[in-house]
């Protein structure tokens, strides 16, 4: 069964975020269903976070596992900076 267009969009945005996070030295693995990123810092393997991507009335947004928004999916570089700041405290 083919994935719905919404899932393709979600995967596209998560892929862009994964690329940004990897440039900061983090590991980002895409979980296929439902699409989400499992993010970790290779230097602190015990700390792992899951980020998903959701459509809201103002566009697509990255979201922490606890439901708080990280930022607009149209700006994966800014979202990656926020995630790095939290994971590297």
N, C-alpha and C. Protein backbone atom coordinates (compact mmCIF):
# COMPACT_ATOMS: atom_id res chain seq x y z
N UNK A 1 0.83 -1.18 0.00
CA UNK A 1 0.00 0.00 0.00
C UNK A 1 0.88 1.25 0.00
N UNK A 2 0.60 2.19 -0.86
CA UNK A 2 1.40 3.40 -0.98
C UNK A 2 1.12 4.35 0.19
N UNK A 3 2.14 5.08 0.58
CA UNK A 3 1.99 6.06 1.67
C UNK A 3 1.16 7.24 1.19
N UNK A 4 0.40 7.79 2.09
CA UNK A 4 -0.41 8.96 1.77
C UNK A 4 0.48 10.16 1.48
N UNK A 5 0.00 11.12 0.68
CA UNK A 5 0.80 12.31 0.38
C UNK A 5 1.28 13.03 1.64
N UNK A 6 0.48 13.03 2.69
CA UNK A 6 0.87 13.69 3.94
C UNK A 6 2.12 13.03 4.52
N UNK A 7 2.21 11.70 4.43
CA UNK A 7 3.38 10.99 4.95
C UNK A 7 4.62 11.30 4.12
N UNK A 8 4.46 11.49 2.82
CA UNK A 8 5.60 11.87 1.99
C UNK A 8 6.11 13.26 2.39
N UNK A 9 5.19 14.17 2.64
CA UNK A 9 5.58 15.52 3.06
C UNK A 9 6.30 15.47 4.40
N UNK A 10 5.74 14.72 5.33
CA UNK A 10 6.34 14.58 6.66
C UNK A 10 7.77 14.01 6.54
N UNK A 11 7.92 12.97 5.74
CA UNK A 11 9.23 12.34 5.55
C UNK A 11 10.21 13.31 4.88
N UNK A 12 9.73 14.09 3.93
CA UNK A 12 10.57 15.08 3.25
C UNK A 12 11.13 16.08 4.27
N UNK A 13 10.27 16.65 5.09
CA UNK A 13 10.72 17.64 6.08
C UNK A 13 11.65 17.01 7.12
N UNK A 14 11.36 15.80 7.55
CA UNK A 14 12.22 15.13 8.51
C UNK A 14 13.59 14.83 7.91
N UNK A 15 13.63 14.51 6.63
CA UNK A 15 14.91 14.29 5.96
C UNK A 15 15.76 15.55 5.92
N UNK A 16 15.11 16.69 5.68
CA UNK A 16 15.85 17.96 5.68
C UNK A 16 16.41 18.26 7.07
N UNK A 17 15.62 17.99 8.11
CA UNK A 17 16.09 18.20 9.47
C UNK A 17 17.24 17.25 9.80
N UNK A 18 17.14 16.00 9.39
CA UNK A 18 18.20 15.02 9.64
C UNK A 18 19.53 15.49 9.04
N UNK A 19 19.49 16.03 7.85
CA UNK A 19 20.70 16.54 7.21
C UNK A 19 21.32 17.66 8.04
N UNK A 20 20.50 18.58 8.51
CA UNK A 20 21.00 19.68 9.34
C UNK A 20 21.60 19.17 10.65
N UNK A 21 20.91 18.23 11.29
CA UNK A 21 21.40 17.70 12.57
C UNK A 21 22.72 16.96 12.40
N UNK A 22 22.86 16.23 11.31
CA UNK A 22 24.10 15.50 11.06
C UNK A 22 25.26 16.46 10.84
N UNK A 23 25.01 17.64 10.30
CA UNK A 23 26.06 18.66 10.14
C UNK A 23 26.52 19.19 11.49
N UNK A 24 25.70 19.03 12.52
CA UNK A 24 26.05 19.44 13.88
C UNK A 24 26.65 18.27 14.68
N UNK A 25 26.85 17.13 14.04
CA UNK A 25 27.46 15.99 14.69
C UNK A 25 26.50 15.07 15.43
N UNK A 26 25.21 15.27 15.27
CA UNK A 26 24.24 14.38 15.89
C UNK A 26 23.88 13.24 14.94
N UNK A 27 23.36 12.17 15.49
CA UNK A 27 22.89 11.05 14.71
C UNK A 27 21.37 11.17 14.60
N UNK A 28 20.84 11.06 13.40
CA UNK A 28 19.40 11.15 13.17
C UNK A 28 18.97 9.97 12.31
N UNK A 29 18.10 9.13 12.86
CA UNK A 29 17.61 7.94 12.16
C UNK A 29 16.11 8.09 11.96
N UNK A 30 15.67 7.92 10.72
CA UNK A 30 14.26 8.05 10.40
C UNK A 30 13.51 6.76 10.74
N UNK A 31 12.52 6.90 11.61
CA UNK A 31 11.60 5.79 11.90
C UNK A 31 10.53 5.83 10.83
N UNK A 32 10.22 4.71 10.16
CA UNK A 32 9.33 4.75 9.01
C UNK A 32 7.86 5.02 9.31
N UNK A 33 7.29 4.39 10.34
CA UNK A 33 5.86 4.60 10.54
C UNK A 33 5.50 4.60 12.02
N UNK A 34 4.91 5.65 12.49
CA UNK A 34 4.74 6.92 11.78
C UNK A 34 6.09 7.60 11.66
N UNK A 35 6.31 8.34 10.58
CA UNK A 35 7.61 8.97 10.37
C UNK A 35 8.01 9.89 11.53
N UNK A 36 9.21 9.68 12.02
CA UNK A 36 9.78 10.51 13.08
C UNK A 36 11.29 10.29 13.08
N UNK A 37 12.01 11.24 13.66
CA UNK A 37 13.46 11.11 13.77
C UNK A 37 13.84 10.70 15.19
N UNK A 38 14.72 9.74 15.29
CA UNK A 38 15.32 9.37 16.57
C UNK A 38 16.70 10.03 16.56
N UNK A 39 16.89 10.98 17.46
CA UNK A 39 18.09 11.81 17.45
C UNK A 39 18.92 11.53 18.70
N UNK A 40 20.22 11.39 18.48
CA UNK A 40 21.12 11.18 19.61
C UNK A 40 22.46 11.85 19.34
N UNK A 41 23.17 12.08 20.42
CA UNK A 41 24.52 12.62 20.34
C UNK A 41 25.46 11.44 20.56
N UNK A 42 26.32 11.12 19.60
CA UNK A 42 27.22 9.97 19.76
C UNK A 42 28.07 10.03 21.02
N UNK A 43 28.30 11.24 21.55
CA UNK A 43 29.12 11.38 22.76
C UNK A 43 28.32 11.12 24.04
N UNK A 44 27.00 11.16 23.95
CA UNK A 44 26.14 10.90 25.11
C UNK A 44 25.02 9.97 24.68
N UNK A 45 25.35 8.73 24.44
CA UNK A 45 24.40 7.77 23.87
C UNK A 45 23.17 7.55 24.72
N UNK A 46 23.21 7.87 25.99
CA UNK A 46 22.05 7.67 26.86
C UNK A 46 20.94 8.67 26.58
N UNK A 47 21.28 9.79 25.98
CA UNK A 47 20.29 10.83 25.70
C UNK A 47 19.78 10.69 24.28
N UNK A 48 18.49 10.37 24.15
CA UNK A 48 17.86 10.19 22.84
C UNK A 48 16.55 10.95 22.84
N UNK A 49 16.26 11.61 21.73
CA UNK A 49 15.01 12.36 21.60
C UNK A 49 14.35 11.98 20.29
N UNK A 50 13.02 12.05 20.27
CA UNK A 50 12.26 11.79 19.06
C UNK A 50 11.58 13.07 18.62
N UNK A 51 11.74 13.40 17.35
CA UNK A 51 11.12 14.60 16.77
C UNK A 51 10.21 14.13 15.64
N UNK A 52 8.98 14.64 15.64
CA UNK A 52 8.11 14.35 14.50
C UNK A 52 7.77 15.66 13.79
N UNK A 53 6.92 15.57 12.80
CA UNK A 53 6.56 16.73 11.99
C UNK A 53 5.06 16.69 11.78
N UNK A 54 4.40 17.81 12.08
CA UNK A 54 2.93 17.83 12.03
C UNK A 54 2.43 19.03 11.24
N UNK A 55 1.31 18.83 10.52
CA UNK A 55 0.69 19.95 9.82
C UNK A 55 -0.27 20.69 10.77
N UNK A 56 -0.12 22.00 10.85
CA UNK A 56 -1.02 22.85 11.62
C UNK A 56 -1.58 23.91 10.69
N UNK A 57 -2.43 24.75 11.18
CA UNK A 57 -3.07 25.75 10.31
C UNK A 57 -2.07 26.72 9.69
N UNK A 58 -0.92 26.94 10.35
CA UNK A 58 0.10 27.87 9.84
C UNK A 58 1.19 27.20 9.03
N UNK A 59 1.08 25.90 8.77
CA UNK A 59 2.10 25.18 8.01
C UNK A 59 2.54 23.92 8.74
N UNK A 60 3.67 23.38 8.30
CA UNK A 60 4.25 22.18 8.92
C UNK A 60 5.24 22.61 10.00
N UNK A 61 5.24 21.86 11.12
CA UNK A 61 6.10 22.18 12.25
C UNK A 61 6.78 20.92 12.76
N UNK A 62 8.04 21.09 13.21
CA UNK A 62 8.73 20.02 13.93
C UNK A 62 8.22 20.07 15.36
N UNK A 63 8.13 18.89 16.01
CA UNK A 63 7.57 18.82 17.35
C UNK A 63 8.37 17.84 18.22
N UNK A 64 8.65 18.27 19.46
CA UNK A 64 9.31 17.41 20.44
C UNK A 64 8.40 16.24 20.81
N UNK A 65 8.95 15.22 21.42
CA UNK A 65 8.18 14.04 21.82
C UNK A 65 7.10 14.39 22.85
N UNK A 66 7.29 15.44 23.61
CA UNK A 66 6.30 15.83 24.63
C UNK A 66 5.24 16.79 24.07
N UNK A 67 5.31 17.09 22.76
CA UNK A 67 4.26 17.86 22.10
C UNK A 67 4.56 19.32 21.85
N UNK A 68 5.58 19.86 22.47
CA UNK A 68 5.94 21.27 22.25
C UNK A 68 6.57 21.43 20.86
N UNK A 69 6.23 22.53 20.19
CA UNK A 69 6.78 22.77 18.86
C UNK A 69 8.24 23.20 18.94
N UNK A 70 9.04 22.68 18.01
CA UNK A 70 10.45 23.06 17.88
C UNK A 70 10.55 24.27 16.97
N UNK A 71 9.84 24.24 15.84
CA UNK A 71 9.90 25.33 14.88
C UNK A 71 9.29 24.92 13.55
N UNK A 72 9.23 25.89 12.66
CA UNK A 72 8.67 25.67 11.33
C UNK A 72 9.52 24.67 10.53
N UNK A 73 8.86 23.78 9.83
CA UNK A 73 9.57 22.82 8.99
C UNK A 73 10.22 23.50 7.79
N UNK A 74 9.77 24.71 7.46
CA UNK A 74 10.39 25.46 6.36
C UNK A 74 11.77 25.99 6.73
N UNK A 75 12.15 25.89 8.01
CA UNK A 75 13.46 26.37 8.46
C UNK A 75 14.15 25.28 9.28
N UNK A 76 14.59 24.21 8.61
CA UNK A 76 15.22 23.12 9.35
C UNK A 76 16.53 23.52 10.03
N UNK A 77 17.23 24.52 9.51
CA UNK A 77 18.48 24.95 10.14
C UNK A 77 18.22 25.54 11.52
N UNK A 78 17.19 26.36 11.65
CA UNK A 78 16.86 26.95 12.95
C UNK A 78 16.36 25.87 13.91
N UNK A 79 15.54 24.96 13.42
CA UNK A 79 15.06 23.87 14.27
C UNK A 79 16.23 23.02 14.75
N UNK A 80 17.18 22.75 13.89
CA UNK A 80 18.36 21.95 14.27
C UNK A 80 19.16 22.67 15.35
N UNK A 81 19.32 23.98 15.24
CA UNK A 81 20.04 24.74 16.27
C UNK A 81 19.35 24.61 17.62
N UNK A 82 18.04 24.67 17.63
CA UNK A 82 17.29 24.54 18.89
C UNK A 82 17.44 23.14 19.47
N UNK A 83 17.40 22.13 18.63
CA UNK A 83 17.54 20.76 19.10
C UNK A 83 18.95 20.52 19.65
N UNK A 84 19.95 21.01 18.95
CA UNK A 84 21.34 20.87 19.40
C UNK A 84 21.52 21.54 20.75
N UNK A 85 20.97 22.71 20.91
CA UNK A 85 21.09 23.45 22.17
C UNK A 85 20.50 22.64 23.34
N UNK A 86 19.38 21.98 23.12
CA UNK A 86 18.75 21.18 24.18
C UNK A 86 19.54 19.90 24.45
N UNK A 87 19.95 19.20 23.41
CA UNK A 87 20.64 17.92 23.59
C UNK A 87 22.06 18.07 24.12
N UNK A 88 22.65 19.22 23.97
CA UNK A 88 24.04 19.39 24.39
C UNK A 88 24.20 20.23 25.64
N UNK A 89 23.17 20.36 26.41
CA UNK A 89 23.26 21.14 27.67
C UNK A 89 24.08 20.42 28.68
